[in-house]
């Protein structure tokens, strides 16, 4: 990891990005941030003890088609990219005396944009998982089996968008020869963090090593 100051971890929802990114940040002594903290798009449409689903979020997933949902989120990420680029560049070029490194995670780290970065000291990896595994994780998190039919509709929309997003991401990652790790087996975050660090250390360009998919 000598010289790496920024580690980017992308992927669709429920692949383990935030948990793994925190573990990587702890391991390296870097700061952790999520792209969700830069600007929020309609998030997960199910309640938690700390959060109620706003009506506009439920309506977003209930009323739009999968194509419309994908177009909406990709447009959001395109608008967000200049801020991401500035954040990455600032940390990458800060130098050893300019503050600590950064681990940045989020679905907004679209592979083609990340691969186009020319700043030094930056590594990137994408986390993916089998569709069946992702669907099971979403439904478990949402309490899907306990929901009424009208409550399930936004979750179904979110899941459909999430799987389509990963399909597009996988195509781009494969076409560009970028590094990704499969998290389907549910191995521990510390183990995945070690793999991310190893891949990052081996990269000869942003997102590219000789390892490829694992």
C-alpha atoms as a PDB file:
ATOM      1  CA  UNK A   1       0.000   0.000   0.000  1.00  0.00           C
ATOM      2  CA  UNK A   2       3.025   2.300  -0.157  1.00  0.00           C
ATOM      3  CA  UNK A   3       1.953   5.505  -1.841  1.00  0.00           C
ATOM      4  CA  UNK A   4      -1.786   4.754  -1.965  1.00  0.00           C
ATOM      5  CA  UNK A   5      -3.716   7.578  -0.310  1.00  0.00           C
ATOM      6  CA  UNK A   6      -7.230   6.979  -1.640  1.00  0.00           C
ATOM      7  CA  UNK A   7      -9.110   3.670  -1.801  1.00  0.00           C
ATOM      8  CA  UNK A   8     -12.432   3.682  -3.665  1.00  0.00           C
ATOM      9  CA  UNK A   9     -14.969   0.892  -3.074  1.00  0.00           C
ATOM     10  CA  UNK A  10     -17.940   0.781  -5.447  1.00  0.00           C
ATOM     11  CA  UNK A  11     -20.835  -1.552  -6.100  1.00  0.00           C
ATOM     12  CA  UNK A  12     -24.574  -1.773  -5.800  1.00  0.00           C
ATOM     13  CA  UNK A  13     -26.461  -1.759  -2.503  1.00  0.00           C
ATOM     14  CA  UNK A  14     -26.120  -4.679  -0.061  1.00  0.00           C
ATOM     15  CA  UNK A  15     -22.780  -5.928  -1.356  1.00  0.00           C
ATOM     16  CA  UNK A  16     -21.120  -4.903   1.925  1.00  0.00           C
ATOM     17  CA  UNK A  17     -19.467  -1.673   0.766  1.00  0.00           C
ATOM     18  CA  UNK A  18     -19.892   0.395   3.912  1.00  0.00           C
ATOM     19  CA  UNK A  19     -18.908  -2.371   6.334  1.00  0.00           C
ATOM     20  CA  UNK A  20     -15.866  -3.368   4.298  1.00  0.00           C
ATOM     21  CA  UNK A  21     -14.842   0.258   3.692  1.00  0.00           C
ATOM     22  CA  UNK A  22     -14.882   0.964   7.433  1.00  0.00           C
ATOM     23  CA  UNK A  23     -12.751  -2.119   8.028  1.00  0.00           C
ATOM     24  CA  UNK A  24     -10.282  -0.994   5.337  1.00  0.00           C
ATOM     25  CA  UNK A  25     -10.158   2.502   6.843  1.00  0.00           C
ATOM     26  CA  UNK A  26      -9.459   1.062  10.313  1.00  0.00           C
ATOM     27  CA  UNK A  27      -6.764  -1.218   8.924  1.00  0.00           C
ATOM     28  CA  UNK A  28      -4.966   1.608   7.087  1.00  0.00           C
ATOM     29  CA  UNK A  29      -5.644   4.424   9.537  1.00  0.00           C
ATOM     30  CA  UNK A  30      -7.523   6.334   6.825  1.00  0.00           C
ATOM     31  CA  UNK A  31     -10.685   8.415   7.085  1.00  0.00           C
ATOM     32  CA  UNK A  32     -13.954   6.818   5.945  1.00  0.00           C
ATOM     33  CA  UNK A  33     -16.623   8.549   3.847  1.00  0.00           C
ATOM     34  CA  UNK A  34     -19.640   7.511   1.825  1.00  0.00           C
ATOM     35  CA  UNK A  35     -20.796   9.174  -1.382  1.00  0.00           C
ATOM     36  CA  UNK A  36     -24.295   9.135   0.135  1.00  0.00           C
ATOM     37  CA  UNK A  37     -23.086  11.852   2.479  1.00  0.00           C
ATOM     38  CA  UNK A  38     -22.329  14.161  -0.448  1.00  0.00           C
ATOM     39  CA  UNK A  39     -25.873  14.229  -1.858  1.00  0.00           C
ATOM     40  CA  UNK A  40     -28.674  11.797  -1.176  1.00  0.00           C
ATOM     41  CA  UNK A  41     -30.855  10.175  -3.820  1.00  0.00           C
ATOM     42  CA  UNK A  42     -34.077   8.406  -2.688  1.00  0.00           C
ATOM     43  CA  UNK A  43     -32.736   5.724  -0.405  1.00  0.00           C
ATOM     44  CA  UNK A  44     -34.008   2.411   0.840  1.00  0.00           C
ATOM     45  CA  UNK A  45     -37.813   2.406   0.949  1.00  0.00           C
ATOM     46  CA  UNK A  46     -38.377   0.506   4.192  1.00  0.00           C
ATOM     47  CA  UNK A  47     -38.487   1.777   7.763  1.00  0.00           C
ATOM     48  CA  UNK A  48     -35.956   1.259  10.524  1.00  0.00           C
ATOM     49  CA  UNK A  49     -36.307   2.031  14.240  1.00  0.00           C
ATOM     50  CA  UNK A  50     -34.592   5.375  13.563  1.00  0.00           C
ATOM     51  CA  UNK A  51     -36.167   6.297  10.230  1.00  0.00           C
ATOM     52  CA  UNK A  52     -39.551   6.459   8.582  1.00  0.00           C
ATOM     53  CA  UNK A  53     -39.878   6.247   4.823  1.00  0.00           C
ATOM     54  CA  UNK A  54     -40.869   9.669   3.425  1.00  0.00           C
ATOM     55  CA  UNK A  55     -43.926   9.474   1.144  1.00  0.00           C
ATOM     56  CA  UNK A  56     -41.948  10.773  -1.848  1.00  0.00           C
ATOM     57  CA  UNK A  57     -39.402   7.959  -1.494  1.00  0.00           C
ATOM     58  CA  UNK A  58     -42.081   5.261  -1.474  1.00  0.00           C
ATOM     59  CA  UNK A  59     -43.793   6.925  -4.439  1.00  0.00           C
ATOM     60  CA  UNK A  60     -40.491   7.097  -6.332  1.00  0.00           C
ATOM     61  CA  UNK A  61     -40.052   3.323  -6.293  1.00  0.00           C
ATOM     62  CA  UNK A  62     -43.735   2.510  -6.638  1.00  0.00           C
ATOM     63  CA  UNK A  63     -44.519   4.722  -9.627  1.00  0.00           C
ATOM     64  CA  UNK A  64     -41.422   4.558 -11.872  1.00  0.00           C
ATOM     65  CA  UNK A  65     -40.436   1.744 -14.202  1.00  0.00           C
ATOM     66  CA  UNK A  66     -37.062   0.038 -13.824  1.00  0.00           C
ATOM     67  CA  UNK A  67     -35.733   1.977 -16.824  1.00  0.00           C
ATOM     68  CA  UNK A  68     -36.900   5.237 -15.271  1.00  0.00           C
ATOM     69  CA  UNK A  69     -35.411   4.336 -11.886  1.00  0.00           C
ATOM     70  CA  UNK A  70     -32.051   3.528 -13.479  1.00  0.00           C
ATOM     71  CA  UNK A  71     -32.069   6.725 -15.542  1.00  0.00           C
ATOM     72  CA  UNK A  72     -32.850   8.747 -12.411  1.00  0.00           C
ATOM     73  CA  UNK A  73     -30.063   7.293 -10.286  1.00  0.00           C
ATOM     74  CA  UNK A  74     -27.448   7.399 -13.059  1.00  0.00           C
ATOM     75  CA  UNK A  75     -28.299  11.044 -13.727  1.00  0.00           C
ATOM     76  CA  UNK A  76     -27.888  11.740 -10.004  1.00  0.00           C
ATOM     77  CA  UNK A  77     -24.473  10.085  -9.985  1.00  0.00           C
ATOM     78  CA  UNK A  78     -23.396  12.042 -13.064  1.00  0.00           C
ATOM     79  CA  UNK A  79     -24.266  15.313 -11.305  1.00  0.00           C
ATOM     80  CA  UNK A  80     -22.422  14.164  -8.195  1.00  0.00           C
ATOM     81  CA  UNK A  81     -19.223  13.147  -9.991  1.00  0.00           C
ATOM     82  CA  UNK A  82     -17.481  16.566 -10.021  1.00  0.00           C
ATOM     83  CA  UNK A  83     -17.687  16.670  -6.210  1.00  0.00           C
ATOM     84  CA  UNK A  84     -16.340  13.122  -5.986  1.00  0.00           C
ATOM     85  CA  UNK A  85     -13.503  13.982  -8.348  1.00  0.00           C
ATOM     86  CA  UNK A  86     -12.534  17.013  -6.279  1.00  0.00           C
ATOM     87  CA  UNK A  87     -12.598  14.978  -3.064  1.00  0.00           C
ATOM     88  CA  UNK A  88     -10.451  12.191  -4.523  1.00  0.00           C
ATOM     89  CA  UNK A  89      -7.977  14.594  -6.099  1.00  0.00           C
ATOM     90  CA  UNK A  90      -7.634  16.619  -2.921  1.00  0.00           C
ATOM     91  CA  UNK A  91      -6.713  13.593  -0.827  1.00  0.00           C
ATOM     92  CA  UNK A  92      -4.580  11.941  -3.506  1.00  0.00           C
ATOM     93  CA  UNK A  93      -2.425  15.019  -4.031  1.00  0.00           C
ATOM     94  CA  UNK A  94      -2.265  16.167  -0.412  1.00  0.00           C
ATOM     95  CA  UNK A  95       1.021  14.402   0.256  1.00  0.00           C
ATOM     96  CA  UNK A  96       2.062  12.642   3.453  1.00  0.00           C
ATOM     97  CA  UNK A  97       1.952  15.889   5.434  1.00  0.00           C
ATOM     98  CA  UNK A  98      -1.430  16.979   4.067  1.00  0.00           C
ATOM     99  CA  UNK A  99      -3.583  14.800   6.279  1.00  0.00           C
ATOM    100  CA  UNK A 100      -4.508  11.138   6.350  1.00  0.00           C
ATOM    101  CA  UNK A 101      -5.706   8.949   3.526  1.00  0.00           C
ATOM    102  CA  UNK A 102      -9.307   8.335   2.508  1.00  0.00           C
ATOM    103  CA  UNK A 103     -11.509   5.304   1.948  1.00  0.00           C
ATOM    104  CA  UNK A 104     -14.541   6.404  -0.071  1.00  0.00           C
ATOM    105  CA  UNK A 105     -17.397   4.012  -0.812  1.00  0.00           C
ATOM    106  CA  UNK A 106     -20.664   4.237  -2.659  1.00  0.00           C
ATOM    107  CA  UNK A 107     -22.694   3.240  -5.681  1.00  0.00           C
ATOM    108  CA  UNK A 108     -21.895   6.647  -7.185  1.00  0.00           C
ATOM    109  CA  UNK A 109     -18.377   5.373  -7.962  1.00  0.00           C
ATOM    110  CA  UNK A 110     -19.339   4.394 -11.487  1.00  0.00           C
ATOM    111  CA  UNK A 111     -16.562   2.240 -13.033  1.00  0.00           C
ATOM    112  CA  UNK A 112     -16.067   4.156 -16.277  1.00  0.00           C
ATOM    113  CA  UNK A 113     -15.639   7.475 -14.458  1.00  0.00           C
ATOM    114  CA  UNK A 114     -13.313   6.027 -11.836  1.00  0.00           C
ATOM    115  CA  UNK A 115     -11.203   4.296 -14.499  1.00  0.00           C
ATOM    116  CA  UNK A 116     -10.802   7.650 -16.213  1.00  0.00           C
ATOM    117  CA  UNK A 117      -9.143   9.229 -13.186  1.00  0.00           C
ATOM    118  CA  UNK A 118      -5.558  10.283 -13.812  1.00  0.00           C
ATOM    119  CA  UNK A 119      -4.643  11.288 -10.265  1.00  0.00           C
ATOM    120  CA  UNK A 120      -1.873   9.247  -8.638  1.00  0.00           C
ATOM    121  CA  UNK A 121      -1.973   7.306  -5.353  1.00  0.00           C
ATOM    122  CA  UNK A 122      -5.539   6.095  -5.970  1.00  0.00           C
ATOM    123  CA  UNK A 123      -6.890   2.540  -6.040  1.00  0.00           C
ATOM    124  CA  UNK A 124     -10.384   1.189  -6.672  1.00  0.00           C
ATOM    125  CA  UNK A 125     -12.283  -2.082  -6.377  1.00  0.00           C
ATOM    126  CA  UNK A 126     -15.941  -2.993  -6.870  1.00  0.00           C
ATOM    127  CA  UNK A 127     -17.917  -5.398  -4.696  1.00  0.00           C
ATOM    128  CA  UNK A 128     -20.564  -7.608  -6.303  1.00  0.00           C
ATOM    129  CA  UNK A 129     -22.751 -10.550  -5.282  1.00  0.00           C
ATOM    130  CA  UNK A 130     -25.066 -13.093  -6.886  1.00  0.00           C
ATOM    131  CA  UNK A 131     -28.546 -11.750  -7.620  1.00  0.00           C
ATOM    132  CA  UNK A 132     -30.205 -14.355  -5.396  1.00  0.00           C
ATOM    133  CA  UNK A 133     -27.960 -13.360  -2.506  1.00  0.00           C
ATOM    134  CA  UNK A 134     -28.670  -9.654  -2.995  1.00  0.00           C
ATOM    135  CA  UNK A 135     -32.417 -10.246  -3.161  1.00  0.00           C
ATOM    136  CA  UNK A 136     -32.312 -12.283   0.040  1.00  0.00           C
ATOM    137  CA  UNK A 137     -30.302  -9.593   1.821  1.00  0.00           C
ATOM    138  CA  UNK A 138     -32.711  -6.837   0.787  1.00  0.00           C
ATOM    139  CA  UNK A 139     -35.799  -8.794   1.786  1.00  0.00           C
ATOM    140  CA  UNK A 140     -34.300  -9.731   5.135  1.00  0.00           C
ATOM    141  CA  UNK A 141     -33.292  -6.116   5.846  1.00  0.00           C
ATOM    142  CA  UNK A 142     -36.735  -4.836   4.872  1.00  0.00           C
ATOM    143  CA  UNK A 143     -38.707  -7.484   6.781  1.00  0.00           C
ATOM    144  CA  UNK A 144     -40.339  -8.304   3.467  1.00  0.00           C
ATOM    145  CA  UNK A 145     -42.134 -11.437   4.692  1.00  0.00           C
ATOM    146  CA  UNK A 146     -43.983  -9.388   7.326  1.00  0.00           C
ATOM    147  CA  UNK A 147     -45.079  -6.651   4.919  1.00  0.00           C
ATOM    148  CA  UNK A 148     -48.478  -6.078   3.386  1.00  0.00           C
ATOM    149  CA  UNK A 149     -48.673  -6.097  -0.419  1.00  0.00           C
ATOM    150  CA  UNK A 150     -48.757  -2.302  -0.693  1.00  0.00           C
ATOM    151  CA  UNK A 151     -45.642  -2.049   1.490  1.00  0.00           C
ATOM    152  CA  UNK A 152     -43.785  -4.533  -0.684  1.00  0.00           C
ATOM    153  CA  UNK A 153     -44.206  -2.571  -3.927  1.00  0.00           C
ATOM    154  CA  UNK A 154     -41.506   0.061  -3.190  1.00  0.00           C
ATOM    155  CA  UNK A 155     -39.129  -2.670  -2.009  1.00  0.00           C
ATOM    156  CA  UNK A 156     -39.747  -4.554  -5.250  1.00  0.00           C
ATOM    157  CA  UNK A 157     -38.929  -1.392  -7.205  1.00  0.00           C
ATOM    158  CA  UNK A 158     -35.769  -0.795  -5.214  1.00  0.00           C
ATOM    159  CA  UNK A 159     -34.643  -4.390  -5.717  1.00  0.00           C
ATOM    160  CA  UNK A 160     -35.331  -4.319  -9.450  1.00  0.00           C
ATOM    161  CA  UNK A 161     -33.295  -1.122  -9.825  1.00  0.00           C
ATOM    162  CA  UNK A 162     -30.506  -2.523  -7.679  1.00  0.00           C
ATOM    163  CA  UNK A 163     -30.168  -5.690  -9.751  1.00  0.00           C
ATOM    164  CA  UNK A 164     -30.306  -3.777 -13.035  1.00  0.00           C
ATOM    165  CA  UNK A 165     -27.652  -1.408 -11.719  1.00  0.00           C
ATOM    166  CA  UNK A 166     -25.342  -4.301 -10.881  1.00  0.00           C
ATOM    167  CA  UNK A 167     -25.915  -5.858 -14.302  1.00  0.00           C
ATOM    168  CA  UNK A 168     -24.808  -2.622 -15.970  1.00  0.00           C
ATOM    169  CA  UNK A 169     -21.898  -2.272 -13.569  1.00  0.00           C
ATOM    170  CA  UNK A 170     -20.690  -5.823 -14.218  1.00  0.00           C
ATOM    171  CA  UNK A 171     -20.726  -5.184 -17.948  1.00  0.00           C
ATOM    172  CA  UNK A 172     -18.624  -2.053 -17.550  1.00  0.00           C
ATOM    173  CA  UNK A 173     -16.195  -3.619 -15.076  1.00  0.00           C
ATOM    174  CA  UNK A 174     -15.691  -6.597 -17.384  1.00  0.00           C
ATOM    175  CA  UNK A 175     -15.283  -4.470 -20.501  1.00  0.00           C
ATOM    176  CA  UNK A 176     -12.663  -2.254 -18.863  1.00  0.00           C
ATOM    177  CA  UNK A 177     -10.844  -5.072 -17.080  1.00  0.00           C
ATOM    178  CA  UNK A 178     -11.350  -3.610 -13.600  1.00  0.00           C
ATOM    179  CA  UNK A 179     -10.894  -5.331 -10.254  1.00  0.00           C
ATOM    180  CA  UNK A 180     -13.887  -6.697  -8.374  1.00  0.00           C
ATOM    181  CA  UNK A 181     -14.496  -8.983  -5.432  1.00  0.00           C
ATOM    182  CA  UNK A 182     -17.519 -11.246  -5.058  1.00  0.00           C
ATOM    183  CA  UNK A 183     -19.070 -11.124  -1.569  1.00  0.00           C
ATOM    184  CA  UNK A 184     -21.764 -13.754  -2.106  1.00  0.00           C
ATOM    185  CA  UNK A 185     -20.335 -16.198   0.417  1.00  0.00           C
ATOM    186  CA  UNK A 186     -20.751 -13.765   3.290  1.00  0.00           C
ATOM    187  CA  UNK A 187     -17.135 -13.952   4.461  1.00  0.00           C
ATOM    188  CA  UNK A 188     -16.189 -11.615   7.275  1.00  0.00           C
ATOM    189  CA  UNK A 189     -15.576  -7.920   6.680  1.00  0.00           C
ATOM    190  CA  UNK A 190     -12.018  -8.206   8.009  1.00  0.00           C
ATOM    191  CA  UNK A 191     -11.217 -10.891   5.443  1.00  0.00           C
ATOM    192  CA  UNK A 192     -12.700  -8.819   2.633  1.00  0.00           C
ATOM    193  CA  UNK A 193     -10.828  -5.764   3.875  1.00  0.00           C
ATOM    194  CA  UNK A 194      -7.584  -7.692   3.595  1.00  0.00           C
ATOM    195  CA  UNK A 195      -8.462  -8.662   0.015  1.00  0.00           C
ATOM    196  CA  UNK A 196      -9.294  -5.052  -0.871  1.00  0.00           C
ATOM    197  CA  UNK A 197      -5.948  -3.882   0.527  1.00  0.00           C
ATOM    198  CA  UNK A 198      -4.092  -6.599  -1.401  1.00  0.00           C
ATOM    199  CA  UNK A 199      -5.838  -5.719  -4.662  1.00  0.00           C
ATOM    200  CA  UNK A 200      -5.234  -1.997  -4.119  1.00  0.00           C
ATOM    201  CA  UNK A 201      -1.543  -2.597  -3.491  1.00  0.00           C
ATOM    202  CA  UNK A 202      -1.237  -4.591  -6.730  1.00  0.00           C
ATOM    203  CA  UNK A 203      -2.877  -2.050  -9.032  1.00  0.00           C
ATOM    204  CA  UNK A 204      -0.813  -0.439 -11.776  1.00  0.00           C
ATOM    205  CA  UNK A 205      -3.613   1.998 -12.705  1.00  0.00           C
ATOM    206  CA  UNK A 206      -6.782   3.109 -10.959  1.00  0.00           C
ATOM    207  CA  UNK A 207      -8.969   0.012 -10.648  1.00  0.00           C
ATOM    208  CA  UNK A 208      -6.651  -2.259 -12.635  1.00  0.00           C
ATOM    209  CA  UNK A 209      -4.299  -4.998 -11.511  1.00  0.00           C
ATOM    210  CA  UNK A 210      -3.436  -8.358 -12.994  1.00  0.00           C
ATOM    211  CA  UNK A 211      -5.888 -10.056 -10.622  1.00  0.00           C
ATOM    212  CA  UNK A 212      -9.223  -9.021 -12.167  1.00  0.00           C
ATOM    213  CA  UNK A 213     -12.328 -10.601 -10.677  1.00  0.00           C
ATOM    214  CA  UNK A 214     -12.133 -12.770  -7.559  1.00  0.00           C
END
